[in-house]
């Protein structure tokens, strides 16, 4: 089950990924599309779509807060159908998947997360969706599927992916490789990260179990 520290870690990973990659992505996109039909026209169209998607996502969150389930479903479907390449469509799917997990509907949650992996134009959100897919699979006891979702490890998400890999390997009974995964995760996580303590406890528990 996801914890508060899981959420903090995921937010930190997304922030880190965007900070490291946004300039290169924006530059490459501008160069390629500008050569085809003009950067200015593309930028204006993109801004319009982004503004519409942003407003719709805000409306969706308000509808969620007010428990207006029909409005939530309608807005989410419009984002998915009409604005799939905006990050807001992926965010809507991620929130929807989280709700489905709470309602113990893992198969539907898996479908929503897989949509993000297959359709999102944002590699950071794809990485987050893969991480959550692995969590859903692991909670369902599908350890091999979880391990498959965690490979390859994306830049900026090393600590989260490697920790969950350790959890999966431990659930599979592979204590040696679980220990190695936790060690790699600790090496990737900042010393002052608030969620490092939980990871360290997992690693220490393996040491205590080995010595008992």
Protein backbone atom coordinates (compact mmCIF):
# COMPACT_ATOMS: atom_id res chain seq x y z
CA UNK A 1 0.00 0.00 0.00
CA UNK A 2 1.30 3.46 -0.89
CA UNK A 3 2.37 5.67 2.00
CA UNK A 4 2.80 9.41 2.50
CA UNK A 5 6.50 9.04 1.97
CA UNK A 6 5.84 7.25 -1.35
CA UNK A 7 3.92 10.31 -2.55
CA UNK A 8 6.69 12.69 -1.46
CA UNK A 9 9.30 10.57 -3.22
CA UNK A 10 7.29 10.46 -6.44
CA UNK A 11 6.77 14.22 -6.44
CA UNK A 12 10.50 14.76 -5.88
CA UNK A 13 11.33 12.40 -8.74
CA UNK A 14 8.98 14.21 -11.15
CA UNK A 15 10.42 17.60 -10.17
CA UNK A 16 13.96 16.30 -10.64
CA UNK A 17 13.17 14.77 -14.04
CA UNK A 18 11.54 17.94 -15.37
CA UNK A 19 14.36 20.11 -14.02
CA UNK A 20 16.98 18.01 -15.78
CA UNK A 21 15.15 17.44 -19.08
CA UNK A 22 12.77 20.30 -19.90
CA UNK A 23 15.31 22.51 -21.68
CA UNK A 24 16.58 19.78 -23.99
CA UNK A 25 13.06 18.62 -24.77
CA UNK A 26 11.80 22.12 -25.48
CA UNK A 27 14.80 22.89 -27.67
CA UNK A 28 14.50 19.68 -29.69
CA UNK A 29 10.77 20.09 -30.15
CA UNK A 30 11.11 23.69 -31.24
CA UNK A 31 13.86 22.93 -33.74
CA UNK A 32 12.11 19.98 -35.36
CA UNK A 33 8.63 21.42 -35.63
CA UNK A 34 9.87 24.87 -36.54
CA UNK A 35 11.52 23.41 -39.62
CA UNK A 36 8.24 21.83 -40.73
CA UNK A 37 5.57 24.48 -40.37
CA UNK A 38 6.83 27.34 -38.26
CA UNK A 39 7.53 27.47 -34.58
CA UNK A 40 5.29 30.44 -33.92
CA UNK A 41 2.16 28.83 -35.36
CA UNK A 42 2.87 25.60 -33.53
CA UNK A 43 3.49 27.42 -30.27
CA UNK A 44 0.19 29.29 -30.53
CA UNK A 45 -1.73 26.09 -31.22
CA UNK A 46 0.10 24.31 -28.41
CA UNK A 47 -0.60 27.14 -26.00
CA UNK A 48 -4.29 26.99 -26.85
CA UNK A 49 -4.45 23.23 -26.27
CA UNK A 50 -2.45 23.54 -23.07
CA UNK A 51 -4.72 26.29 -21.73
CA UNK A 52 -7.82 24.26 -22.52
CA UNK A 53 -6.36 21.14 -20.96
CA UNK A 54 -5.22 23.06 -17.89
CA UNK A 55 -8.69 24.50 -17.34
CA UNK A 56 -10.31 21.12 -17.83
CA UNK A 57 -7.92 19.51 -15.38
CA UNK A 58 -8.74 22.21 -12.83
CA UNK A 59 -12.45 21.55 -13.40
CA UNK A 60 -11.84 17.82 -12.96
CA UNK A 61 -10.08 18.33 -9.63
CA UNK A 62 -12.93 20.54 -8.43
CA UNK A 63 -15.44 17.92 -9.50
CA UNK A 64 -13.46 15.28 -7.61
CA UNK A 65 -13.44 17.44 -4.48
CA UNK A 66 -17.22 17.83 -4.76
CA UNK A 67 -17.72 14.10 -5.42
CA UNK A 68 -19.40 14.79 -8.77
CA UNK A 69 -18.53 11.45 -10.31
CA UNK A 70 -20.37 11.95 -13.62
CA UNK A 71 -18.58 15.25 -14.25
CA UNK A 72 -15.23 13.65 -13.35
CA UNK A 73 -15.82 10.83 -15.82
CA UNK A 74 -16.90 13.19 -18.61
CA UNK A 75 -13.97 15.58 -18.20
CA UNK A 76 -11.43 12.78 -17.91
CA UNK A 77 -12.74 11.11 -21.06
CA UNK A 78 -12.54 14.39 -22.99
CA UNK A 79 -8.95 14.89 -21.90
CA UNK A 80 -8.08 11.34 -22.94
CA UNK A 81 -9.88 11.54 -26.29
CA UNK A 82 -9.07 15.08 -27.39
CA UNK A 83 -5.96 16.17 -25.50
CA UNK A 84 -4.08 12.93 -25.00
CA UNK A 85 -0.61 14.38 -25.55
CA UNK A 86 -0.95 17.08 -22.92
CA UNK A 87 0.37 16.22 -19.46
CA UNK A 88 -3.09 16.96 -18.04
CA UNK A 89 -4.59 13.91 -19.72
CA UNK A 90 -1.92 11.75 -18.14
CA UNK A 91 -2.41 13.40 -14.75
CA UNK A 92 -6.14 12.74 -15.00
CA UNK A 93 -5.44 9.07 -15.70
CA UNK A 94 -2.99 8.86 -12.81
CA UNK A 95 -5.56 10.30 -10.42
CA UNK A 96 -8.20 7.96 -11.81
CA UNK A 97 -5.92 4.97 -11.33
CA UNK A 98 -5.25 6.00 -7.73
CA UNK A 99 -8.98 6.12 -7.08
CA UNK A 100 -9.46 2.71 -8.67
CA UNK A 101 -6.76 1.26 -6.40
CA UNK A 102 -8.58 2.67 -3.36
CA UNK A 103 -11.76 1.03 -4.62
CA UNK A 104 -9.88 -2.27 -5.02
CA UNK A 105 -10.28 -2.37 -8.80
CA UNK A 106 -6.69 -3.25 -9.77
CA UNK A 107 -7.41 -4.41 -13.33
CA UNK A 108 -9.03 -1.09 -14.23
CA UNK A 109 -6.24 0.79 -12.47
CA UNK A 110 -3.72 -1.16 -14.52
CA UNK A 111 -5.54 -0.19 -17.74
CA UNK A 112 -5.49 3.51 -16.80
CA UNK A 113 -1.79 3.41 -15.93
CA UNK A 114 -0.93 1.52 -19.09
CA UNK A 115 -2.70 4.25 -21.06
CA UNK A 116 -0.24 6.78 -19.62
CA UNK A 117 2.71 4.57 -20.51
CA UNK A 118 1.48 4.13 -24.08
CA UNK A 119 0.16 7.63 -24.80
CA UNK A 120 1.81 10.26 -22.64
CA UNK A 121 4.18 12.68 -24.32
CA UNK A 122 5.96 13.27 -21.00
CA UNK A 123 8.64 10.73 -20.10
CA UNK A 124 8.51 11.74 -16.44
CA UNK A 125 4.82 10.90 -16.19
CA UNK A 126 5.42 7.67 -18.10
CA UNK A 127 8.04 6.74 -15.52
CA UNK A 128 5.62 7.49 -12.70
CA UNK A 129 2.91 5.39 -14.36
CA UNK A 130 5.31 2.45 -14.74
CA UNK A 131 6.24 2.74 -11.06
CA UNK A 132 2.58 2.66 -10.05
CA UNK A 133 1.90 -0.22 -12.43
CA UNK A 134 4.61 -2.16 -10.64
CA UNK A 135 3.01 -1.34 -7.29
CA UNK A 136 -0.39 -2.57 -8.48
CA UNK A 137 1.15 -5.78 -9.80
CA UNK A 138 3.14 -6.35 -6.62
CA UNK A 139 0.09 -5.84 -4.41
CA UNK A 140 -1.73 -8.39 -6.56
CA UNK A 141 1.12 -10.87 -6.11
CA UNK A 142 2.28 -10.60 -9.74
CA UNK A 143 5.94 -10.26 -8.84
CA UNK A 144 7.37 -11.01 -12.29
CA UNK A 145 5.06 -8.45 -13.90
CA UNK A 146 6.15 -5.88 -11.32
CA UNK A 147 9.81 -6.55 -12.03
CA UNK A 148 9.18 -6.23 -15.77
CA UNK A 149 7.48 -2.85 -15.27
CA UNK A 150 10.52 -1.64 -13.32
CA UNK A 151 12.96 -2.22 -16.18
CA UNK A 152 14.67 -0.16 -17.45
CA UNK A 153 15.22 2.29 -14.61
CA UNK A 154 14.57 5.89 -15.79
CA UNK A 155 16.85 8.77 -14.88
CA UNK A 156 15.62 10.68 -11.85
CA UNK A 157 13.63 7.74 -10.49
CA UNK A 158 16.50 5.46 -9.51
CA UNK A 159 15.78 5.42 -5.78
CA UNK A 160 12.07 4.68 -6.17
CA UNK A 161 12.49 2.03 -8.85
CA UNK A 162 15.34 0.24 -7.11
CA UNK A 163 13.56 0.25 -3.75
CA UNK A 164 10.45 -1.28 -5.28
CA UNK A 165 12.63 -3.77 -7.12
CA UNK A 166 14.03 -4.73 -3.73
CA UNK A 167 10.49 -5.13 -2.37
CA UNK A 168 9.55 -7.36 -5.30
CA UNK A 169 12.64 -9.51 -5.01
CA UNK A 170 12.10 -9.87 -1.28
CA UNK A 171 8.51 -10.95 -1.89
CA UNK A 172 9.89 -13.50 -4.35
CA UNK A 173 12.26 -14.82 -1.70
CA UNK A 174 15.45 -13.55 -3.38
CA UNK A 175 16.99 -11.90 -0.33
CA UNK A 176 20.47 -11.48 -1.80
CA UNK A 177 19.35 -9.52 -4.83
CA UNK A 178 16.80 -7.62 -2.72
CA UNK A 179 19.66 -6.49 -0.50
CA UNK A 180 21.65 -5.37 -3.54
CA UNK A 181 18.65 -3.43 -4.89
CA UNK A 182 18.20 -1.64 -1.57
CA UNK A 183 21.92 -0.80 -1.52
CA UNK A 184 21.66 0.68 -5.02
CA UNK A 185 18.55 2.61 -3.99
CA UNK A 186 20.33 4.05 -0.96
CA UNK A 187 23.22 5.12 -3.15
CA UNK A 188 20.77 6.98 -5.42
CA UNK A 189 18.75 8.73 -2.68
CA UNK A 190 19.95 12.00 -1.18
CA UNK A 191 21.19 11.76 2.40
CA UNK A 192 18.65 14.35 3.55
CA UNK A 193 15.66 12.84 1.72
CA UNK A 194 12.77 12.49 4.22
CA UNK A 195 11.90 9.03 2.90
CA UNK A 196 15.46 7.67 3.15
CA UNK A 197 14.87 6.42 6.68
CA UNK A 198 12.17 3.95 5.59
CA UNK A 199 14.45 2.60 2.86
CA UNK A 200 17.31 2.23 5.33
CA UNK A 201 15.03 0.31 7.70
CA UNK A 202 14.18 -2.16 4.96
CA UNK A 203 17.87 -2.72 4.32
CA UNK A 204 18.66 -3.06 8.03
CA UNK A 205 15.85 -5.58 8.50
CA UNK A 206 17.57 -7.85 6.00
CA UNK A 207 20.80 -7.64 7.99
CA UNK A 208 18.99 -8.49 11.22
CA UNK A 209 17.20 -11.42 9.60
CA UNK A 210 20.49 -12.76 8.26
CA UNK A 211 22.17 -12.61 11.67
CA UNK A 212 19.29 -14.19 13.63
